[in-house]
Amino acid sequence: MKPHLRVHYFQHIAGEGFGSCYTFLKQHQAKITATEFFALPAETALEIEALPQVEDVDLLIIMGGTMSVNDEANYPWLKIEKRWLRRYLATGKPVIGLCLGGQLIANALGATVSCNQQQELGWTTVYRTNDVPASCFELPDHFSVLEWHRESFDLPKGAVHLAQTQVCRNQIYQMGDNVLGFQFHPEMTPEVLQLFLENDDELALFDGERVHSIESLKTSGLQKFMQGNDLLNRAIQFVLKA
């Protein structure tokens, strides 16, 4: 990984920071900046010039959020974020999307984001798909990560399907060798999870067989977070070709 890497991240809600990404990238002397969309009044018509210059970003990481990618009427900055994202993707630069972030990349590339057949909230086993080309991001046969979503993405045209759960087919996709979209939260740390539990006003809207109790999440041991954190570290290195 080159020194002084310029990493920018898009943050959509106050209770979801950069998670495990921060420690890993700071260990490699990265310069980290952020756009905090949550700080804007919901009705704000953001100008695209307020976002970073594409040429000033070496790696983009798009975080999650409680809103839908389809909710441009209530969050008009979503349209500008997706327009900027299409510009960025056109350059072939590396980008990783986490949960809402993965949905935003897919949607910016023309794919549909809609309600999943079942909601997922809690620690879930994700399975690698069969017959993935050897040149793609390497995954174990299965691994455990934190899911927190009611919607999911269709695959963008040309994407490679990498992973799924029993109730959500599209969990990871890859575009070229520079784009990875995740439906789950590999960046989760105990501290970020605590912020999620304290600040997510939509928790009461989750229901179903795949929704774990809040109490069970509060007692998550440190080892539960390690698989996702390691996966994300490797994903960063993969898209950077480091």
C-alpha atoms as a PDB file:
ATOM      1  CA  MET A   1       0.000   0.000   0.000  1.00  0.00           C
ATOM      2  CA  LYS A   2       1.503   3.325  -1.064  1.00  0.00           C
ATOM      3  CA  PRO A   3       2.326   5.840   1.683  1.00  0.00           C
ATOM      4  CA  HIS A   4       0.066   8.847   2.265  1.00  0.00           C
ATOM      5  CA  LEU A   5      -2.867   7.191   0.511  1.00  0.00           C
ATOM      6  CA  ARG A   6      -5.767   9.658   0.203  1.00  0.00           C
ATOM      7  CA  VAL A   7      -8.837   7.859   1.520  1.00  0.00           C
ATOM      8  CA  HIS A   8     -12.255   9.489   1.513  1.00  0.00           C
ATOM      9  CA  TYR A   9     -15.403   8.049   3.026  1.00  0.00           C
ATOM     10  CA  PHE A  10     -19.068   8.913   2.745  1.00  0.00           C
ATOM     11  CA  GLN A  11     -20.917   8.790   6.083  1.00  0.00           C
ATOM     12  CA  HIS A  12     -24.724   8.831   6.062  1.00  0.00           C
ATOM     13  CA  ILE A  13     -25.725   8.601   9.747  1.00  0.00           C
ATOM     14  CA  ALA A  14     -24.136  10.023  12.877  1.00  0.00           C
ATOM     15  CA  GLY A  15     -24.000   6.674  14.662  1.00  0.00           C
ATOM     16  CA  GLU A  16     -21.855   4.953  12.048  1.00  0.00           C
ATOM     17  CA  GLY A  17     -18.242   6.018  11.838  1.00  0.00           C
ATOM     18  CA  PHE A  18     -15.360   4.474   9.918  1.00  0.00           C
ATOM     19  CA  GLY A  19     -15.167   1.375  12.137  1.00  0.00           C
ATOM     20  CA  SER A  20     -12.215  -0.974  11.751  1.00  0.00           C
ATOM     21  CA  CYS A  21     -11.164   0.780   8.534  1.00  0.00           C
ATOM     22  CA  TYR A  22      -9.717   3.674  10.507  1.00  0.00           C
ATOM     23  CA  THR A  23      -7.163   1.692  12.514  1.00  0.00           C
ATOM     24  CA  PHE A  24      -6.053  -0.371   9.523  1.00  0.00           C
ATOM     25  CA  LEU A  25      -5.587   2.592   7.207  1.00  0.00           C
ATOM     26  CA  LYS A  26      -3.883   4.754   9.830  1.00  0.00           C
ATOM     27  CA  GLN A  27      -1.360   1.952  10.350  1.00  0.00           C
ATOM     28  CA  HIS A  28      -0.448   2.529   6.701  1.00  0.00           C
ATOM     29  CA  GLN A  29      -0.160   6.327   7.109  1.00  0.00           C
ATOM     30  CA  ALA A  30      -3.271   7.038   5.051  1.00  0.00           C
ATOM     31  CA  LYS A  31      -4.759  10.527   4.972  1.00  0.00           C
ATOM     32  CA  ILE A  32      -8.459  10.120   5.809  1.00  0.00           C
ATOM     33  CA  THR A  33     -11.212  12.634   5.014  1.00  0.00           C
ATOM     34  CA  ALA A  34     -14.993  12.371   5.087  1.00  0.00           C
ATOM     35  CA  THR A  35     -18.223  13.764   3.700  1.00  0.00           C
ATOM     36  CA  GLU A  36     -20.854  13.742   6.460  1.00  0.00           C
ATOM     37  CA  PHE A  37     -24.183  13.717   4.649  1.00  0.00           C
ATOM     38  CA  PHE A  38     -26.034  13.273   7.953  1.00  0.00           C
ATOM     39  CA  ALA A  39     -25.000  16.777   8.993  1.00  0.00           C
ATOM     40  CA  LEU A  40     -27.033  18.308   6.165  1.00  0.00           C
ATOM     41  CA  PRO A  41     -30.665  19.284   6.725  1.00  0.00           C
ATOM     42  CA  ALA A  42     -32.739  16.605   4.990  1.00  0.00           C
ATOM     43  CA  GLU A  43     -34.138  19.040   2.402  1.00  0.00           C
ATOM     44  CA  THR A  44     -30.729  20.472   1.448  1.00  0.00           C
ATOM     45  CA  ALA A  45     -30.052  20.532  -2.285  1.00  0.00           C
ATOM     46  CA  LEU A  46     -26.346  19.690  -2.220  1.00  0.00           C
ATOM     47  CA  GLU A  47     -24.169  21.024  -5.023  1.00  0.00           C
ATOM     48  CA  ILE A  48     -21.845  18.442  -6.583  1.00  0.00           C
ATOM     49  CA  GLU A  49     -18.974  20.930  -6.305  1.00  0.00           C
ATOM     50  CA  ALA A  50     -19.205  20.556  -2.506  1.00  0.00           C
ATOM     51  CA  LEU A  51     -17.919  16.981  -2.804  1.00  0.00           C
ATOM     52  CA  PRO A  52     -14.206  16.195  -3.239  1.00  0.00           C
ATOM     53  CA  GLN A  53     -12.486  16.435  -6.571  1.00  0.00           C
ATOM     54  CA  VAL A  54     -12.351  12.915  -7.982  1.00  0.00           C
ATOM     55  CA  GLU A  55      -8.646  13.263  -8.738  1.00  0.00           C
ATOM     56  CA  ASP A  56      -7.964  13.986  -5.054  1.00  0.00           C
ATOM     57  CA  VAL A  57      -9.248  10.571  -3.898  1.00  0.00           C
ATOM     58  CA  ASP A  58      -7.179   7.366  -4.111  1.00  0.00           C
ATOM     59  CA  LEU A  59      -9.718   5.127  -2.366  1.00  0.00           C
ATOM     60  CA  LEU A  60     -13.417   5.705  -1.656  1.00  0.00           C
ATOM     61  CA  ILE A  61     -15.287   3.800   1.063  1.00  0.00           C
ATOM     62  CA  ILE A  62     -19.064   4.269   1.298  1.00  0.00           C
ATOM     63  CA  MET A  63     -20.622   3.521   4.666  1.00  0.00           C
ATOM     64  CA  GLY A  64     -24.124   2.362   5.601  1.00  0.00           C
ATOM     65  CA  GLY A  65     -27.230   4.262   6.651  1.00  0.00           C
ATOM     66  CA  THR A  66     -30.860   3.946   7.649  1.00  0.00           C
ATOM     67  CA  MET A  67     -32.267   5.598   4.513  1.00  0.00           C
ATOM     68  CA  SER A  68     -33.060   3.851   1.223  1.00  0.00           C
ATOM     69  CA  VAL A  69     -31.119   4.633  -1.933  1.00  0.00           C
ATOM     70  CA  ASN A  70     -34.554   5.216  -3.497  1.00  0.00           C
ATOM     71  CA  ASP A  71     -35.503   7.941  -1.003  1.00  0.00           C
ATOM     72  CA  GLU A  72     -34.271  10.927  -3.024  1.00  0.00           C
ATOM     73  CA  ALA A  73     -37.438  12.884  -2.258  1.00  0.00           C
ATOM     74  CA  ASN A  74     -36.603  13.004   1.460  1.00  0.00           C
ATOM     75  CA  TYR A  75     -32.826  13.060   1.001  1.00  0.00           C
ATOM     76  CA  PRO A  76     -32.148  15.082  -2.182  1.00  0.00           C
ATOM     77  CA  TRP A  77     -28.380  14.829  -1.670  1.00  0.00           C
ATOM     78  CA  LEU A  78     -28.666  11.125  -2.603  1.00  0.00           C
ATOM     79  CA  LYS A  79     -29.080  12.092  -6.252  1.00  0.00           C
ATOM     80  CA  ILE A  80     -25.912  14.202  -6.125  1.00  0.00           C
ATOM     81  CA  GLU A  81     -24.003  11.481  -4.280  1.00  0.00           C
ATOM     82  CA  LYS A  82     -24.908   8.950  -6.983  1.00  0.00           C
ATOM     83  CA  ARG A  83     -24.013  11.385  -9.766  1.00  0.00           C
ATOM     84  CA  TRP A  84     -20.589  12.006  -8.182  1.00  0.00           C
ATOM     85  CA  LEU A  85     -20.162   8.266  -7.676  1.00  0.00           C
ATOM     86  CA  ARG A  86     -20.748   7.574 -11.374  1.00  0.00           C
ATOM     87  CA  ARG A  87     -18.003  10.083 -12.181  1.00  0.00           C
ATOM     88  CA  TYR A  88     -15.666   8.376  -9.748  1.00  0.00           C
ATOM     89  CA  LEU A  89     -16.441   4.875 -11.054  1.00  0.00           C
ATOM     90  CA  ALA A  90     -15.772   6.020 -14.617  1.00  0.00           C
ATOM     91  CA  THR A  91     -12.145   6.662 -13.676  1.00  0.00           C
ATOM     92  CA  GLY A  92     -11.541   3.045 -12.641  1.00  0.00           C
ATOM     93  CA  LYS A  93     -10.388   4.079  -9.172  1.00  0.00           C
ATOM     94  CA  PRO A  94     -10.947   1.703  -6.210  1.00  0.00           C
ATOM     95  CA  VAL A  95     -14.150   1.840  -4.169  1.00  0.00           C
ATOM     96  CA  ILE A  96     -15.752  -0.321  -1.479  1.00  0.00           C
ATOM     97  CA  GLY A  97     -19.404  -0.083  -0.445  1.00  0.00           C
ATOM     98  CA  LEU A  98     -20.699  -1.359   2.903  1.00  0.00           C
ATOM     99  CA  CYS A  99     -24.423  -2.161   3.299  1.00  0.00           C
ATOM    100  CA  LEU A 100     -26.116   1.050   2.051  1.00  0.00           C
ATOM    101  CA  GLY A 101     -22.777   1.792   0.386  1.00  0.00           C
ATOM    102  CA  GLY A 102     -22.930  -1.430  -1.617  1.00  0.00           C
ATOM    103  CA  GLN A 103     -26.505  -0.603  -2.564  1.00  0.00           C
ATOM    104  CA  LEU A 104     -25.508   2.903  -3.676  1.00  0.00           C
ATOM    105  CA  ILE A 105     -22.789   1.617  -5.993  1.00  0.00           C
ATOM    106  CA  ALA A 106     -25.162  -0.944  -7.493  1.00  0.00           C
ATOM    107  CA  ASN A 107     -27.909   1.659  -7.943  1.00  0.00           C
ATOM    108  CA  ALA A 108     -25.520   4.206  -9.457  1.00  0.00           C
ATOM    109  CA  LEU A 109     -24.630   1.513 -12.007  1.00  0.00           C
ATOM    110  CA  GLY A 110     -28.270   0.933 -12.903  1.00  0.00           C
ATOM    111  CA  ALA A 111     -29.220  -1.960 -10.607  1.00  0.00           C
ATOM    112  CA  THR A 112     -32.416  -2.096  -8.555  1.00  0.00           C
ATOM    113  CA  VAL A 113     -32.441  -1.904  -4.746  1.00  0.00           C
ATOM    114  CA  SER A 114     -35.618  -3.231  -3.111  1.00  0.00           C
ATOM    115  CA  CYS A 115     -36.969  -4.973   0.002  1.00  0.00           C
ATOM    116  CA  ASN A 116     -35.329  -8.321   0.629  1.00  0.00           C
ATOM    117  CA  GLN A 117     -37.519 -11.413   1.097  1.00  0.00           C
ATOM    118  CA  GLN A 118     -36.460 -11.452   4.756  1.00  0.00           C
ATOM    119  CA  GLN A 119     -34.896  -8.798   6.934  1.00  0.00           C
ATOM    120  CA  GLU A 120     -31.479  -9.603   8.420  1.00  0.00           C
ATOM    121  CA  LEU A 121     -30.198  -8.175  11.685  1.00  0.00           C
ATOM    122  CA  GLY A 122     -27.547 -10.001  13.677  1.00  0.00           C
ATOM    123  CA  TRP A 123     -24.606 -12.334  13.252  1.00  0.00           C
ATOM    124  CA  THR A 124     -25.155 -14.412  10.120  1.00  0.00           C
ATOM    125  CA  THR A 125     -23.222 -17.015   8.147  1.00  0.00           C
ATOM    126  CA  VAL A 126     -22.348 -15.917   4.615  1.00  0.00           C
ATOM    127  CA  TYR A 127     -21.438 -18.531   1.990  1.00  0.00           C
ATOM    128  CA  ARG A 128     -19.094 -18.106  -0.959  1.00  0.00           C
ATOM    129  CA  THR A 129     -20.772 -18.806  -4.292  1.00  0.00           C
ATOM    130  CA  ASN A 130     -19.562 -21.601  -6.552  1.00  0.00           C
ATOM    131  CA  ASP A 131     -17.408 -21.218  -9.668  1.00  0.00           C
ATOM    132  CA  VAL A 132     -15.989 -17.793  -8.839  1.00  0.00           C
ATOM    133  CA  PRO A 133     -13.063 -16.956 -11.182  1.00  0.00           C
ATOM    134  CA  ALA A 134      -9.644 -17.295  -9.563  1.00  0.00           C
ATOM    135  CA  SER A 135      -8.886 -13.639 -10.361  1.00  0.00           C
ATOM    136  CA  CYS A 136     -11.671 -12.450  -8.037  1.00  0.00           C
ATOM    137  CA  PHE A 137     -11.453 -11.412  -4.402  1.00  0.00           C
ATOM    138  CA  GLU A 138     -10.697 -14.554  -2.388  1.00  0.00           C
ATOM    139  CA  LEU A 139     -13.218 -15.659   0.224  1.00  0.00           C
ATOM    140  CA  PRO A 140     -13.424 -18.596   2.639  1.00  0.00           C
ATOM    141  CA  ASP A 141     -16.175 -21.135   2.045  1.00  0.00           C
ATOM    142  CA  HIS A 142     -18.221 -19.470   4.777  1.00  0.00           C
ATOM    143  CA  PHE A 143     -17.777 -16.803   7.429  1.00  0.00           C
ATOM    144  CA  SER A 144     -19.785 -14.946  10.085  1.00  0.00           C
ATOM    145  CA  VAL A 145     -20.503 -11.198   9.888  1.00  0.00           C
ATOM    146  CA  LEU A 146     -23.052  -8.679  11.134  1.00  0.00           C
ATOM    147  CA  GLU A 147     -26.089  -8.094   8.912  1.00  0.00           C
ATOM    148  CA  TRP A 148     -28.296  -5.018   9.381  1.00  0.00           C
ATOM    149  CA  HIS A 149     -30.616  -4.487   6.404  1.00  0.00           C
ATOM    150  CA  ARG A 150     -34.177  -4.647   5.143  1.00  0.00           C
ATOM    151  CA  GLU A 151     -33.360  -3.966   1.482  1.00  0.00           C
ATOM    152  CA  SER A 152     -30.802  -5.571  -0.817  1.00  0.00           C
ATOM    153  CA  PHE A 153     -29.253  -4.869  -4.212  1.00  0.00           C
ATOM    154  CA  ASP A 154     -29.595  -6.595  -7.542  1.00  0.00           C
ATOM    155  CA  LEU A 155     -26.266  -7.180  -9.262  1.00  0.00           C
ATOM    156  CA  PRO A 156     -25.088  -4.413 -11.595  1.00  0.00           C
ATOM    157  CA  LYS A 157     -24.573  -5.457 -15.208  1.00  0.00           C
ATOM    158  CA  GLY A 158     -21.168  -7.126 -15.524  1.00  0.00           C
ATOM    159  CA  ALA A 159     -20.749  -7.794 -11.799  1.00  0.00           C
ATOM    160  CA  VAL A 160     -19.475 -11.105 -10.444  1.00  0.00           C
ATOM    161  CA  HIS A 161     -21.600 -12.640  -7.684  1.00  0.00           C
ATOM    162  CA  LEU A 162     -19.292 -13.674  -4.817  1.00  0.00           C
ATOM    163  CA  ALA A 163     -21.385 -14.542  -1.740  1.00  0.00           C
ATOM    164  CA  GLN A 164     -24.881 -15.124  -0.337  1.00  0.00           C
ATOM    165  CA  THR A 165     -26.811 -16.042   2.800  1.00  0.00           C
ATOM    166  CA  GLN A 166     -29.708 -18.464   3.064  1.00  0.00           C
ATOM    167  CA  VAL A 167     -32.253 -15.655   2.732  1.00  0.00           C
ATOM    168  CA  CYS A 168     -30.397 -12.945   0.773  1.00  0.00           C
ATOM    169  CA  ARG A 169     -28.797 -14.002  -2.499  1.00  0.00           C
ATOM    170  CA  ASN A 170     -26.599 -10.963  -3.138  1.00  0.00           C
ATOM    171  CA  GLN A 171     -24.125 -10.363  -0.312  1.00  0.00           C
ATOM    172  CA  ILE A 172     -20.912  -9.464  -2.174  1.00  0.00           C
ATOM    173  CA  TYR A 173     -20.297  -8.458  -5.783  1.00  0.00           C
ATOM    174  CA  GLN A 174     -17.207  -7.411  -7.683  1.00  0.00           C
ATOM    175  CA  MET A 175     -16.891  -5.098 -10.679  1.00  0.00           C
ATOM    176  CA  GLY A 176     -13.622  -5.332 -12.549  1.00  0.00           C
ATOM    177  CA  ASP A 177     -10.727  -5.485 -10.106  1.00  0.00           C
ATOM    178  CA  ASN A 178     -11.420  -2.171  -8.332  1.00  0.00           C
ATOM    179  CA  VAL A 179     -15.012  -2.332  -6.999  1.00  0.00           C
ATOM    180  CA  LEU A 180     -16.404  -4.452  -4.158  1.00  0.00           C
ATOM    181  CA  GLY A 181     -19.941  -4.102  -2.795  1.00  0.00           C
ATOM    182  CA  PHE A 182     -20.950  -5.726   0.509  1.00  0.00           C
ATOM    183  CA  GLN A 183     -24.489  -6.100   1.880  1.00  0.00           C
ATOM    184  CA  PHE A 184     -23.242  -6.639   5.444  1.00  0.00           C
ATOM    185  CA  HIS A 185     -21.033  -4.708   7.889  1.00  0.00           C
ATOM    186  CA  PRO A 186     -17.452  -6.062   7.926  1.00  0.00           C
ATOM    187  CA  GLU A 187     -16.226  -2.801   9.497  1.00  0.00           C
ATOM    188  CA  MET A 188     -18.187  -3.397  12.694  1.00  0.00           C
ATOM    189  CA  THR A 189     -16.367  -3.038  16.032  1.00  0.00           C
ATOM    190  CA  PRO A 190     -17.812  -3.288  19.558  1.00  0.00           C
ATOM    191  CA  GLU A 191     -17.754   0.514  19.824  1.00  0.00           C
ATOM    192  CA  VAL A 192     -19.555   1.056  16.516  1.00  0.00           C
ATOM    193  CA  LEU A 193     -22.128  -1.608  17.360  1.00  0.00           C
ATOM    194  CA  GLN A 194     -22.869   0.209  20.612  1.00  0.00           C
ATOM    195  CA  LEU A 195     -23.439   3.424  18.648  1.00  0.00           C
ATOM    196  CA  PHE A 196     -25.761   1.551  16.285  1.00  0.00           C
ATOM    197  CA  LEU A 197     -27.822   0.257  19.178  1.00  0.00           C
ATOM    198  CA  GLU A 198     -28.006   3.693  20.794  1.00  0.00           C
ATOM    199  CA  ASN A 199     -28.826   5.725  17.687  1.00  0.00           C
ATOM    200  CA  ASP A 200     -30.806   3.581  15.244  1.00  0.00           C
ATOM    201  CA  ASP A 201     -34.399   4.790  15.536  1.00  0.00           C
ATOM    202  CA  GLU A 202     -35.526   2.162  13.014  1.00  0.00           C
ATOM    203  CA  LEU A 203     -34.726  -0.858  15.172  1.00  0.00           C
ATOM    204  CA  ALA A 204     -38.400  -1.252  15.999  1.00  0.00           C
ATOM    205  CA  LEU A 205     -39.166  -1.705  12.286  1.00  0.00           C
ATOM    206  CA  PHE A 206     -37.122  -4.918  12.073  1.00  0.00           C
ATOM    207  CA  ASP A 207     -39.018  -8.162  12.423  1.00  0.00           C
ATOM    208  CA  GLY A 208     -38.729 -11.783  11.321  1.00  0.00           C
ATOM    209  CA  GLU A 209     -36.878 -15.042  11.836  1.00  0.00           C
ATOM    210  CA  ARG A 210     -33.519 -13.501  10.889  1.00  0.00           C
ATOM    211  CA  VAL A 211     -33.732 -10.611  13.364  1.00  0.00           C
ATOM    212  CA  HIS A 212     -31.745 -11.231  16.552  1.00  0.00           C
ATOM    213  CA  SER A 213     -32.609  -9.725  19.895  1.00  0.00           C
ATOM    214  CA  ILE A 214     -30.927  -6.485  20.931  1.00  0.00           C
ATOM    215  CA  GLU A 215     -29.760  -8.142  24.146  1.00  0.00           C
ATOM    216  CA  SER A 216     -27.905 -10.841  22.204  1.00  0.00           C
ATOM    217  CA  LEU A 217     -26.129  -8.173  20.151  1.00  0.00           C
ATOM    218  CA  LYS A 218     -25.106  -6.275  23.272  1.00  0.00           C
ATOM    219  CA  THR A 219     -23.244  -9.339  24.554  1.00  0.00           C
ATOM    220  CA  SER A 220     -21.285  -9.958  21.349  1.00  0.00           C
ATOM    221  CA  GLY A 221     -17.745 -11.040  22.174  1.00  0.00           C
ATOM    222  CA  LEU A 222     -14.734  -9.415  20.524  1.00  0.00           C
ATOM    223  CA  GLN A 223     -13.968 -12.550  18.485  1.00  0.00           C
ATOM    224  CA  LYS A 224     -17.242 -12.131  16.573  1.00  0.00           C
ATOM    225  CA  PHE A 225     -15.937  -8.971  14.921  1.00  0.00           C
ATOM    226  CA  MET A 226     -12.590 -10.339  13.773  1.00  0.00           C
ATOM    227  CA  GLN A 227     -13.696 -12.248  10.662  1.00  0.00           C
ATOM    228  CA  GLY A 228     -15.399  -9.210   9.160  1.00  0.00           C
ATOM    229  CA  ASN A 229     -12.548  -6.843  10.053  1.00  0.00           C
ATOM    230  CA  ASP A 230      -9.970  -9.147   8.479  1.00  0.00           C
ATOM    231  CA  LEU A 231     -12.159  -9.565   5.394  1.00  0.00           C
ATOM    232  CA  LEU A 232     -12.406  -5.802   4.960  1.00  0.00           C
ATOM    233  CA  ASN A 233      -8.656  -5.291   5.425  1.00  0.00           C
ATOM    234  CA  ARG A 234      -8.031  -7.790   2.638  1.00  0.00           C
ATOM    235  CA  ALA A 235     -10.705  -6.159   0.489  1.00  0.00           C
ATOM    236  CA  ILE A 236      -8.946  -2.796   0.813  1.00  0.00           C
ATOM    237  CA  GLN A 237      -5.653  -4.360  -0.231  1.00  0.00           C
ATOM    238  CA  PHE A 238      -7.371  -6.141  -3.130  1.00  0.00           C
ATOM    239  CA  VAL A 239      -8.953  -3.069  -4.724  1.00  0.00           C
ATOM    240  CA  LEU A 240      -5.730  -1.120  -4.189  1.00  0.00           C
ATOM    241  CA  LYS A 241      -3.752  -3.985  -5.728  1.00  0.00           C
ATOM    242  CA  ALA A 242      -1.476  -3.665  -2.701  1.00  0.00           C
END
